[in-house]
Amino acid sequence: MTFTVTVEHIHVSGIKDALRGMRNPLESWAKSDTTESFDETTGRLITTIGPNDLELAMKLAIAGGPHAKYRRQIHVSYDLIAPWLLWKEYETYQVGTVENSTSQMFKMGSRLLTRNDFSFDNWGEDEQNLLNLINHLIQKWWASGQKKSTPEWRRLLQFIPGSFKYRRTCTVNYEVLSNMYRWRKDHKLQEWRDFLSIMEDACPYSQIWTLKEQTS
């Protein structure tokens, strides 16, 4: 299956600690059955949520965010490569998030662009003409001395379309993913639907934030 976005280096951590805290209000730590094991292949801890903890976690998740505070302590990091038209909406979810992006200001113009730098549904004559124009503007900026205070530089930036792809290393938590899923899983932008589908498949126990019926 071909997606409109790419998500790499997905890493989820803090599940066991979050579920221990989940039991603090009723001091029911003795019922906890979540375990961890070391995966020598990946060098990471593998967390297995037991049926007792999963039942309570889902009960609190279904009750809503104020009850499922533990989700805020399950951390997720990933690299998301997506066009600017998605990033404009993604920035709605800034609470509890950190991002470190590739820089248009630093790197734009350091090389000629290719088709792989854009996320067009189809590549036709118009798209090729736009790519040729942008590369022409890059070459004009090179010829002007590559100073970022020149009109050539500003004109180059003004022609970069919303389909241009950026890579960002993001840190969120399961509560943020829950909000994204609730409000964007049926969004008209295919990029949103693809991103959430990838994250749902990649994150362990994603039912905690999708509220879908699952067994693992």
C-alpha atoms as a PDB file:
ATOM      1  CA  MET A   1       0.000   0.000   0.000  1.00  0.00           C
ATOM      2  CA  THR A   2       1.304   3.454  -0.913  1.00  0.00           C
ATOM      3  CA  PHE A   3       0.957   6.204   1.693  1.00  0.00           C
ATOM      4  CA  THR A   4       1.091   9.962   1.176  1.00  0.00           C
ATOM      5  CA  VAL A   5       3.381  10.318   4.216  1.00  0.00           C
ATOM      6  CA  THR A   6       6.306   8.373   5.640  1.00  0.00           C
ATOM      7  CA  VAL A   7       6.838   7.639   9.341  1.00  0.00           C
ATOM      8  CA  GLU A   8      10.205   6.296  10.493  1.00  0.00           C
ATOM      9  CA  HIS A   9      11.973   5.452  13.781  1.00  0.00           C
ATOM     10  CA  ILE A  10       8.764   4.969  15.786  1.00  0.00           C
ATOM     11  CA  HIS A  11       9.601   4.356  19.446  1.00  0.00           C
ATOM     12  CA  VAL A  12       7.106   4.006  22.298  1.00  0.00           C
ATOM     13  CA  SER A  13       8.268   4.131  25.925  1.00  0.00           C
ATOM     14  CA  GLY A  14       6.984   4.538  29.464  1.00  0.00           C
ATOM     15  CA  ILE A  15       4.042   2.141  29.297  1.00  0.00           C
ATOM     16  CA  LYS A  16       4.810   0.209  32.487  1.00  0.00           C
ATOM     17  CA  ASP A  17       5.529   3.335  34.514  1.00  0.00           C
ATOM     18  CA  ALA A  18       2.352   4.994  33.243  1.00  0.00           C
ATOM     19  CA  LEU A  19       0.215   1.995  34.185  1.00  0.00           C
ATOM     20  CA  ARG A  20       1.780   1.831  37.649  1.00  0.00           C
ATOM     21  CA  GLY A  21       0.700   5.428  38.161  1.00  0.00           C
ATOM     22  CA  MET A  22      -2.711   4.595  36.767  1.00  0.00           C
ATOM     23  CA  ARG A  23      -3.314   2.463  39.882  1.00  0.00           C
ATOM     24  CA  ASN A  24      -2.264   5.127  42.388  1.00  0.00           C
ATOM     25  CA  PRO A  25      -5.758   6.553  43.098  1.00  0.00           C
ATOM     26  CA  LEU A  26      -7.065   3.228  44.476  1.00  0.00           C
ATOM     27  CA  GLU A  27      -3.651   1.922  45.585  1.00  0.00           C
ATOM     28  CA  SER A  28      -4.324  -1.239  43.576  1.00  0.00           C
ATOM     29  CA  TRP A  29      -0.703  -1.896  42.598  1.00  0.00           C
ATOM     30  CA  ALA A  30      -0.979  -5.550  43.670  1.00  0.00           C
ATOM     31  CA  LYS A  31      -3.344  -6.183  40.761  1.00  0.00           C
ATOM     32  CA  SER A  32      -0.852  -4.920  38.192  1.00  0.00           C
ATOM     33  CA  ASP A  33       0.252  -7.605  35.715  1.00  0.00           C
ATOM     34  CA  THR A  34       2.283  -5.655  33.152  1.00  0.00           C
ATOM     35  CA  THR A  35       5.748  -7.079  32.467  1.00  0.00           C
ATOM     36  CA  GLU A  36       8.877  -6.082  30.585  1.00  0.00           C
ATOM     37  CA  SER A  37      11.477  -8.160  28.781  1.00  0.00           C
ATOM     38  CA  PHE A  38      14.673  -7.219  26.985  1.00  0.00           C
ATOM     39  CA  ASP A  39      14.813  -7.743  23.228  1.00  0.00           C
ATOM     40  CA  GLU A  40      18.435  -8.472  22.340  1.00  0.00           C
ATOM     41  CA  THR A  41      17.750  -7.895  18.639  1.00  0.00           C
ATOM     42  CA  THR A  42      16.563  -4.309  19.041  1.00  0.00           C
ATOM     43  CA  GLY A  43      18.210  -3.535  22.362  1.00  0.00           C
ATOM     44  CA  ARG A  44      14.899  -2.284  23.733  1.00  0.00           C
ATOM     45  CA  LEU A  45      12.486  -3.270  26.465  1.00  0.00           C
ATOM     46  CA  ILE A  46       9.335  -5.004  25.267  1.00  0.00           C
ATOM     47  CA  THR A  47       6.300  -4.241  27.395  1.00  0.00           C
ATOM     48  CA  THR A  48       3.459  -6.737  27.708  1.00  0.00           C
ATOM     49  CA  ILE A  49       0.305  -5.346  29.296  1.00  0.00           C
ATOM     50  CA  GLY A  50      -1.508  -7.993  31.341  1.00  0.00           C
ATOM     51  CA  PRO A  51      -5.278  -8.469  31.200  1.00  0.00           C
ATOM     52  CA  ASN A  52      -5.876  -6.721  34.548  1.00  0.00           C
ATOM     53  CA  ASP A  53      -4.019  -3.578  33.545  1.00  0.00           C
ATOM     54  CA  LEU A  54      -5.436  -3.562  30.036  1.00  0.00           C
ATOM     55  CA  GLU A  55      -8.997  -3.824  31.333  1.00  0.00           C
ATOM     56  CA  LEU A  56      -8.510  -0.847  33.641  1.00  0.00           C
ATOM     57  CA  ALA A  57      -6.607   1.133  31.020  1.00  0.00           C
ATOM     58  CA  MET A  58      -9.433   0.697  28.517  1.00  0.00           C
ATOM     59  CA  LYS A  59     -12.093   1.517  31.116  1.00  0.00           C
ATOM     60  CA  LEU A  60     -10.359   4.799  31.916  1.00  0.00           C
ATOM     61  CA  ALA A  61      -9.697   5.559  28.240  1.00  0.00           C
ATOM     62  CA  ILE A  62     -13.357   5.108  27.381  1.00  0.00           C
ATOM     63  CA  ALA A  63     -14.292   7.385  30.294  1.00  0.00           C
ATOM     64  CA  GLY A  64     -12.312  10.194  28.632  1.00  0.00           C
ATOM     65  CA  GLY A  65      -9.126  12.225  28.874  1.00  0.00           C
ATOM     66  CA  PRO A  66      -9.490  13.456  32.496  1.00  0.00           C
ATOM     67  CA  HIS A  67      -9.738   9.830  33.654  1.00  0.00           C
ATOM     68  CA  ALA A  68      -7.042   8.487  31.306  1.00  0.00           C
ATOM     69  CA  LYS A  69      -4.253  10.745  32.539  1.00  0.00           C
ATOM     70  CA  TYR A  70      -1.849   7.805  32.286  1.00  0.00           C
ATOM     71  CA  ARG A  71      -1.889   8.205  28.488  1.00  0.00           C
ATOM     72  CA  ARG A  72       0.022  11.467  28.884  1.00  0.00           C
ATOM     73  CA  GLN A  73       2.944   9.485  30.333  1.00  0.00           C
ATOM     74  CA  ILE A  74       3.277   7.047  27.415  1.00  0.00           C
ATOM     75  CA  HIS A  75       5.772   8.737  25.128  1.00  0.00           C
ATOM     76  CA  VAL A  76       6.102   8.311  21.371  1.00  0.00           C
ATOM     77  CA  SER A  77       8.893   9.570  19.130  1.00  0.00           C
ATOM     78  CA  TYR A  78       9.044   9.296  15.346  1.00  0.00           C
ATOM     79  CA  ASP A  79      10.225  10.965  12.172  1.00  0.00           C
ATOM     80  CA  LEU A  80       7.325  12.179  10.038  1.00  0.00           C
ATOM     81  CA  ILE A  81       8.026  13.089   6.416  1.00  0.00           C
ATOM     82  CA  ALA A  82       5.011  14.943   5.073  1.00  0.00           C
ATOM     83  CA  PRO A  83       4.042  17.850   2.807  1.00  0.00           C
ATOM     84  CA  TRP A  84       3.542  21.317   4.215  1.00  0.00           C
ATOM     85  CA  LEU A  85      -0.225  21.096   3.739  1.00  0.00           C
ATOM     86  CA  LEU A  86      -0.304  18.514   6.557  1.00  0.00           C
ATOM     87  CA  TRP A  87       2.164  20.334   8.812  1.00  0.00           C
ATOM     88  CA  LYS A  88      -0.047  23.438   8.817  1.00  0.00           C
ATOM     89  CA  GLU A  89      -2.793  21.411  10.512  1.00  0.00           C
ATOM     90  CA  TYR A  90      -0.507  19.190  12.575  1.00  0.00           C
ATOM     91  CA  GLU A  91       0.643  22.234  14.512  1.00  0.00           C
ATOM     92  CA  THR A  92      -2.821  22.418  16.109  1.00  0.00           C
ATOM     93  CA  TYR A  93      -1.575  19.687  18.461  1.00  0.00           C
ATOM     94  CA  GLN A  94       1.283  21.527  20.133  1.00  0.00           C
ATOM     95  CA  VAL A  95       0.409  20.771  23.772  1.00  0.00           C
ATOM     96  CA  GLY A  96       2.721  18.055  25.059  1.00  0.00           C
ATOM     97  CA  THR A  97       4.690  17.847  21.816  1.00  0.00           C
ATOM     98  CA  VAL A  98       8.202  18.603  20.661  1.00  0.00           C
ATOM     99  CA  GLU A  99       9.357  18.893  17.041  1.00  0.00           C
ATOM    100  CA  ASN A 100      12.726  19.320  15.365  1.00  0.00           C
ATOM    101  CA  SER A 101      12.373  20.008  11.653  1.00  0.00           C
ATOM    102  CA  THR A 102      14.503  20.083   8.572  1.00  0.00           C
ATOM    103  CA  SER A 103      15.092  23.747   7.791  1.00  0.00           C
ATOM    104  CA  GLN A 104      13.930  25.508   4.664  1.00  0.00           C
ATOM    105  CA  MET A 105      15.931  28.561   5.694  1.00  0.00           C
ATOM    106  CA  PHE A 106      19.181  26.636   6.136  1.00  0.00           C
ATOM    107  CA  LYS A 107      18.986  24.005   3.382  1.00  0.00           C
ATOM    108  CA  MET A 108      16.709  25.291   0.623  1.00  0.00           C
ATOM    109  CA  GLY A 109      18.904  26.012  -2.370  1.00  0.00           C
ATOM    110  CA  SER A 110      21.738  23.755  -1.240  1.00  0.00           C
ATOM    111  CA  ARG A 111      20.878  21.442  -4.153  1.00  0.00           C
ATOM    112  CA  LEU A 112      18.495  21.129  -7.068  1.00  0.00           C
ATOM    113  CA  LEU A 113      15.180  19.505  -6.180  1.00  0.00           C
ATOM    114  CA  THR A 114      13.737  16.260  -7.572  1.00  0.00           C
ATOM    115  CA  ARG A 115      10.311  14.648  -7.766  1.00  0.00           C
ATOM    116  CA  ASN A 116      10.988  12.920  -4.455  1.00  0.00           C
ATOM    117  CA  ASP A 117      10.912  16.277  -2.690  1.00  0.00           C
ATOM    118  CA  PHE A 118       7.198  16.689  -3.426  1.00  0.00           C
ATOM    119  CA  SER A 119       3.964  14.884  -2.626  1.00  0.00           C
ATOM    120  CA  PHE A 120       1.790  15.207  -5.723  1.00  0.00           C
ATOM    121  CA  ASP A 121      -1.002  12.707  -6.377  1.00  0.00           C
ATOM    122  CA  ASN A 122       0.030  12.603 -10.026  1.00  0.00           C
ATOM    123  CA  TRP A 123       3.122  13.794 -11.830  1.00  0.00           C
ATOM    124  CA  GLY A 124       2.262  15.510 -15.077  1.00  0.00           C
ATOM    125  CA  GLU A 125       3.316  18.407 -17.224  1.00  0.00           C
ATOM    126  CA  ASP A 126       2.252  21.094 -14.730  1.00  0.00           C
ATOM    127  CA  GLU A 127       4.157  19.448 -11.885  1.00  0.00           C
ATOM    128  CA  GLN A 128       7.253  19.060 -14.034  1.00  0.00           C
ATOM    129  CA  ASN A 129       7.055  22.690 -15.113  1.00  0.00           C
ATOM    130  CA  LEU A 130       6.855  23.785 -11.470  1.00  0.00           C
ATOM    131  CA  LEU A 131       9.902  21.679 -10.590  1.00  0.00           C
ATOM    132  CA  ASN A 132      11.805  23.157 -13.539  1.00  0.00           C
ATOM    133  CA  LEU A 133      10.844  26.674 -12.449  1.00  0.00           C
ATOM    134  CA  ILE A 134      11.965  26.124  -8.856  1.00  0.00           C
ATOM    135  CA  ASN A 135      15.281  24.674  -9.999  1.00  0.00           C
ATOM    136  CA  HIS A 136      15.691  27.625 -12.353  1.00  0.00           C
ATOM    137  CA  LEU A 137      15.162  29.976  -9.400  1.00  0.00           C
ATOM    138  CA  ILE A 138      17.702  28.020  -7.345  1.00  0.00           C
ATOM    139  CA  GLN A 139      20.250  28.413 -10.129  1.00  0.00           C
ATOM    140  CA  LYS A 140      19.503  32.150 -10.374  1.00  0.00           C
ATOM    141  CA  TRP A 141      20.100  32.458  -6.633  1.00  0.00           C
ATOM    142  CA  TRP A 142      23.387  30.581  -6.992  1.00  0.00           C
ATOM    143  CA  ALA A 143      24.430  33.019  -9.727  1.00  0.00           C
ATOM    144  CA  SER A 144      23.508  35.997  -7.507  1.00  0.00           C
ATOM    145  CA  GLY A 145      26.030  34.971  -4.861  1.00  0.00           C
ATOM    146  CA  GLN A 146      23.813  32.803  -2.604  1.00  0.00           C
ATOM    147  CA  LYS A 147      23.061  35.563  -0.120  1.00  0.00           C
ATOM    148  CA  LYS A 148      19.782  35.128   1.782  1.00  0.00           C
ATOM    149  CA  SER A 149      19.128  38.863   1.819  1.00  0.00           C
ATOM    150  CA  THR A 150      18.641  39.040  -1.948  1.00  0.00           C
ATOM    151  CA  PRO A 151      15.364  39.276  -3.931  1.00  0.00           C
ATOM    152  CA  GLU A 152      16.306  35.975  -5.671  1.00  0.00           C
ATOM    153  CA  TRP A 153      16.214  34.128  -2.352  1.00  0.00           C
ATOM    154  CA  ARG A 154      12.844  35.541  -1.319  1.00  0.00           C
ATOM    155  CA  ARG A 155      11.342  34.779  -4.722  1.00  0.00           C
ATOM    156  CA  LEU A 156      12.564  31.189  -4.494  1.00  0.00           C
ATOM    157  CA  LEU A 157      10.812  30.692  -1.153  1.00  0.00           C
ATOM    158  CA  GLN A 158       7.594  32.206  -2.482  1.00  0.00           C
ATOM    159  CA  PHE A 159       7.367  29.546  -5.185  1.00  0.00           C
ATOM    160  CA  ILE A 160       7.703  26.532  -2.853  1.00  0.00           C
ATOM    161  CA  PRO A 161       4.279  24.784  -2.916  1.00  0.00           C
ATOM    162  CA  GLY A 162       2.303  23.124  -0.134  1.00  0.00           C
ATOM    163  CA  SER A 163       3.270  19.723  -1.556  1.00  0.00           C
ATOM    164  CA  PHE A 164       6.929  20.220  -0.590  1.00  0.00           C
ATOM    165  CA  LYS A 165       7.923  17.575   1.967  1.00  0.00           C
ATOM    166  CA  TYR A 166       9.568  18.253   5.324  1.00  0.00           C
ATOM    167  CA  ARG A 167      11.034  15.803   7.823  1.00  0.00           C
ATOM    168  CA  ARG A 168      10.373  16.420  11.507  1.00  0.00           C
ATOM    169  CA  THR A 169      11.425  14.373  14.509  1.00  0.00           C
ATOM    170  CA  CYS A 170       8.403  14.508  16.799  1.00  0.00           C
ATOM    171  CA  THR A 171       7.766  13.592  20.423  1.00  0.00           C
ATOM    172  CA  VAL A 172       4.149  13.198  21.527  1.00  0.00           C
ATOM    173  CA  ASN A 173       2.223  10.967  23.924  1.00  0.00           C
ATOM    174  CA  TYR A 174      -0.763   8.650  23.741  1.00  0.00           C
ATOM    175  CA  GLU A 175      -3.123  11.437  24.824  1.00  0.00           C
ATOM    176  CA  VAL A 176      -2.015  13.592  21.888  1.00  0.00           C
ATOM    177  CA  LEU A 177      -2.506  10.636  19.536  1.00  0.00           C
ATOM    178  CA  SER A 178      -5.960  10.116  21.032  1.00  0.00           C
ATOM    179  CA  ASN A 179      -6.922  13.697  20.203  1.00  0.00           C
ATOM    180  CA  MET A 180      -5.486  13.421  16.703  1.00  0.00           C
ATOM    181  CA  TYR A 181      -7.377  10.178  16.099  1.00  0.00           C
ATOM    182  CA  ARG A 182     -10.657  11.510  17.449  1.00  0.00           C
ATOM    183  CA  TRP A 183     -10.669  14.636  15.299  1.00  0.00           C
ATOM    184  CA  ARG A 184      -8.698  13.644  12.211  1.00  0.00           C
ATOM    185  CA  LYS A 185      -9.260   9.919  11.461  1.00  0.00           C
ATOM    186  CA  ASP A 186     -11.943  10.777   8.875  1.00  0.00           C
ATOM    187  CA  HIS A 187     -10.331  13.999   7.676  1.00  0.00           C
ATOM    188  CA  LYS A 188     -10.618  14.976   4.021  1.00  0.00           C
ATOM    189  CA  LEU A 189      -6.817  15.152   3.790  1.00  0.00           C
ATOM    190  CA  GLN A 190      -5.525  11.702   2.875  1.00  0.00           C
ATOM    191  CA  GLU A 191      -2.282  12.599   4.672  1.00  0.00           C
ATOM    192  CA  TRP A 192      -4.060  12.629   8.026  1.00  0.00           C
ATOM    193  CA  ARG A 193      -5.723   9.285   7.421  1.00  0.00           C
ATOM    194  CA  ASP A 194      -2.458   7.702   6.277  1.00  0.00           C
ATOM    195  CA  PHE A 195      -0.474   9.047   9.243  1.00  0.00           C
ATOM    196  CA  LEU A 196      -2.992   7.765  11.778  1.00  0.00           C
ATOM    197  CA  SER A 197      -3.238   4.391  10.058  1.00  0.00           C
ATOM    198  CA  ILE A 198       0.543   3.968  10.201  1.00  0.00           C
ATOM    199  CA  MET A 199       0.678   4.969  13.863  1.00  0.00           C
ATOM    200  CA  GLU A 200      -2.206   2.691  14.792  1.00  0.00           C
ATOM    201  CA  ASP A 201      -0.441  -0.306  13.267  1.00  0.00           C
ATOM    202  CA  ALA A 202       2.998   0.574  14.674  1.00  0.00           C
ATOM    203  CA  CYS A 203       2.208   1.579  18.271  1.00  0.00           C
ATOM    204  CA  PRO A 204       1.730  -1.218  20.806  1.00  0.00           C
ATOM    205  CA  TYR A 205      -1.709  -1.277  22.415  1.00  0.00           C
ATOM    206  CA  SER A 206      -2.970   1.495  20.174  1.00  0.00           C
ATOM    207  CA  GLN A 207      -6.512   0.623  21.269  1.00  0.00           C
ATOM    208  CA  ILE A 208      -5.736   2.730  24.341  1.00  0.00           C
ATOM    209  CA  TRP A 209      -6.000   5.813  22.125  1.00  0.00           C
ATOM    210  CA  THR A 210      -8.202   4.568  19.249  1.00  0.00           C
ATOM    211  CA  LEU A 211     -10.722   2.901  21.617  1.00  0.00           C
ATOM    212  CA  LYS A 212     -11.084   0.081  19.135  1.00  0.00           C
ATOM    213  CA  GLU A 213     -11.784  -3.418  20.381  1.00  0.00           C
ATOM    214  CA  GLN A 214      -8.527  -5.404  20.259  1.00  0.00           C
ATOM    215  CA  THR A 215      -6.875  -8.181  22.201  1.00  0.00           C
ATOM    216  CA  SER A 216      -3.238  -7.023  22.047  1.00  0.00           C
END
